[in-house]
Amino acid sequence: SGAPTPSPAPPPASAWHPHKPTLAVSDSTGRLRVYDMAGVESGPGPNGTTKPAGGRIAAPPPKVILSHRLQKQVYALAWRPCSGAVLAAGCQGAVCLWSVGGGGTRPPVSTRVAGGTGAGRGTGPWLTVLP
């Protein structure tokens, strides 16, 4: 009694890229997973069968996972509408702007690319935090 109750994690946020079949989704730890959904079909299954029970489809492995110590409790995600190369994450106490268009001019910040670690200096995602 008397101890503050921690606030529950927000539900996952998600945002479809405005021009590509790319989906960004947050998780309960504040990490962002960016998926390339090209080739993922939601129609009938092979040989005229229907989709799996519940209509769910398996997501491909993420092409990048974005995380930073200041990125906690992600409440909203949005892609920059005109270019689609910047992903904004509305977090507890800050807005994190990720450049995920590739060929970045800054080194990656606390990122993990699917299948390995962040890319070398001058390539890969980079982060700007707006307090």
Protein backbone atom coordinates (compact mmCIF):
# COMPACT_ATOMS: atom_id res chain seq x y z
CA SER A 1 0.00 0.00 0.00
CA GLY A 2 1.21 3.49 -0.78
CA ALA A 3 3.49 2.30 -3.60
CA PRO A 4 2.58 3.72 -7.01
CA THR A 5 1.14 1.22 -9.43
CA PRO A 6 3.10 1.07 -12.68
CA SER A 7 1.08 2.19 -15.67
CA PRO A 8 0.11 -0.63 -18.02
CA ALA A 9 1.86 -0.86 -21.36
CA PRO A 10 -0.14 0.70 -24.18
CA PRO A 11 -1.60 -1.59 -26.83
CA PRO A 12 0.68 -2.14 -29.83
CA ALA A 13 0.78 0.74 -32.29
CA SER A 14 1.07 0.15 -36.02
CA ALA A 15 1.39 2.13 -39.24
CA TRP A 16 1.32 1.12 -42.91
CA HIS A 17 3.85 2.84 -45.17
CA PRO A 18 2.07 5.34 -47.47
CA HIS A 19 3.65 4.02 -50.70
CA LYS A 20 5.09 0.54 -50.05
CA PRO A 21 3.83 -2.74 -48.58
CA THR A 22 5.72 -2.02 -45.34
CA LEU A 23 4.26 -2.28 -41.86
CA ALA A 24 5.73 -0.87 -38.63
CA VAL A 25 4.53 -2.33 -35.31
CA SER A 26 5.51 -1.56 -31.70
CA ASP A 27 5.80 -4.15 -28.94
CA SER A 28 5.42 -4.00 -25.15
CA THR A 29 9.15 -3.28 -24.66
CA GLY A 30 9.13 -0.16 -26.85
CA ARG A 31 10.89 -1.79 -29.79
CA LEU A 32 9.65 -1.16 -33.32
CA ARG A 33 9.58 -3.94 -35.88
CA VAL A 34 9.44 -2.99 -39.56
CA TYR A 35 8.12 -5.69 -41.90
CA ASP A 36 8.29 -5.93 -45.68
CA MET A 37 4.87 -7.36 -46.48
CA ALA A 38 5.46 -7.70 -50.24
CA GLY A 39 4.44 -11.18 -51.32
CA VAL A 40 2.36 -11.86 -48.22
CA GLU A 41 -1.07 -12.83 -49.44
CA SER A 42 -4.28 -12.65 -47.50
CA GLY A 43 -6.51 -14.39 -50.02
CA PRO A 44 -7.59 -18.02 -50.20
CA GLY A 45 -5.01 -20.68 -49.45
CA PRO A 46 -3.58 -23.22 -51.90
CA ASN A 47 -5.95 -25.56 -53.77
CA GLY A 48 -8.95 -23.35 -53.04
CA THR A 49 -8.73 -23.79 -49.26
CA THR A 50 -9.49 -20.89 -46.97
CA LYS A 51 -7.14 -18.93 -44.75
CA PRO A 52 -6.04 -20.47 -41.43
CA ALA A 53 -8.51 -20.43 -38.54
CA GLY A 54 -9.10 -16.90 -37.35
CA GLY A 55 -7.99 -15.46 -40.70
CA ARG A 56 -4.46 -14.82 -39.43
CA ILE A 57 -1.44 -14.89 -41.68
CA ALA A 58 2.12 -15.44 -40.56
CA ALA A 59 4.24 -12.29 -40.68
CA PRO A 60 7.65 -12.50 -42.34
CA PRO A 61 10.71 -11.85 -40.16
CA PRO A 62 11.20 -8.11 -39.55
CA LYS A 63 13.62 -6.41 -41.91
CA VAL A 64 14.73 -4.15 -39.06
CA ILE A 65 14.13 -3.79 -35.31
CA LEU A 66 14.49 -0.27 -33.91
CA SER A 67 15.13 0.38 -30.23
CA HIS A 68 16.61 3.07 -28.03
CA ARG A 69 16.75 3.59 -24.26
CA LEU A 70 14.55 6.72 -24.57
CA GLN A 71 11.94 4.91 -26.64
CA LYS A 72 9.55 3.59 -24.00
CA GLN A 73 5.82 2.90 -24.16
CA VAL A 74 5.11 3.66 -27.81
CA TYR A 75 1.59 5.11 -28.12
CA ALA A 76 1.48 5.99 -31.83
CA LEU A 77 3.39 5.42 -35.09
CA ALA A 78 3.25 7.41 -38.33
CA TRP A 79 5.26 7.45 -41.56
CA ARG A 80 6.24 10.78 -43.12
CA PRO A 81 3.52 11.16 -45.77
CA CYS A 82 5.47 12.57 -48.72
CA SER A 83 8.62 10.48 -48.58
CA GLY A 84 7.82 7.57 -46.32
CA ALA A 85 11.47 7.30 -45.25
CA VAL A 86 10.90 8.68 -41.74
CA LEU A 87 8.96 6.82 -39.06
CA ALA A 88 7.75 8.81 -36.04
CA ALA A 89 7.11 7.02 -32.74
CA GLY A 90 5.11 8.88 -30.10
CA CYS A 91 6.58 7.60 -26.82
CA GLN A 92 6.40 8.31 -23.12
CA GLY A 93 8.12 11.71 -22.80
CA ALA A 94 9.45 12.03 -26.35
CA VAL A 95 8.92 11.63 -30.07
CA CYS A 96 11.49 9.41 -31.79
CA LEU A 97 12.09 10.05 -35.50
CA TRP A 98 13.70 7.11 -37.27
CA SER A 99 15.14 7.41 -40.78
CA VAL A 100 14.60 3.95 -42.24
CA GLY A 101 14.89 4.72 -45.94
CA GLY A 102 18.37 3.17 -46.22
CA GLY A 103 21.53 4.96 -47.23
CA GLY A 104 21.39 7.16 -44.14
CA THR A 105 24.07 9.74 -43.54
CA ARG A 106 24.40 9.10 -39.81
CA PRO A 107 25.46 5.99 -37.91
CA PRO A 108 22.67 3.77 -36.59
CA VAL A 109 21.64 4.24 -32.95
CA SER A 110 20.80 1.13 -30.90
CA THR A 111 19.35 -0.74 -33.85
CA ARG A 112 19.39 -4.39 -34.75
CA VAL A 113 18.90 -5.37 -38.35
CA ALA A 114 17.20 -8.74 -38.85
CA GLY A 115 19.87 -11.42 -39.13
CA GLY A 116 22.65 -9.42 -37.51
CA THR A 117 23.67 -6.19 -35.86
CA GLY A 118 23.24 -2.60 -36.98
CA ALA A 119 24.92 -1.59 -40.22
CA GLY A 120 28.25 0.19 -40.30
CA ARG A 121 28.86 3.91 -40.05
CA GLY A 122 26.91 5.98 -42.57
CA THR A 123 24.35 3.32 -43.49
CA GLY A 124 21.19 1.93 -41.98
CA PRO A 125 18.60 3.55 -39.74
CA TRP A 126 19.35 6.59 -37.60
CA LEU A 127 17.44 8.30 -34.82
CA THR A 128 16.52 11.83 -33.74
CA VAL A 129 14.78 12.25 -30.36
CA LEU A 130 12.51 15.24 -29.72
CA PRO A 131 11.92 15.65 -25.96
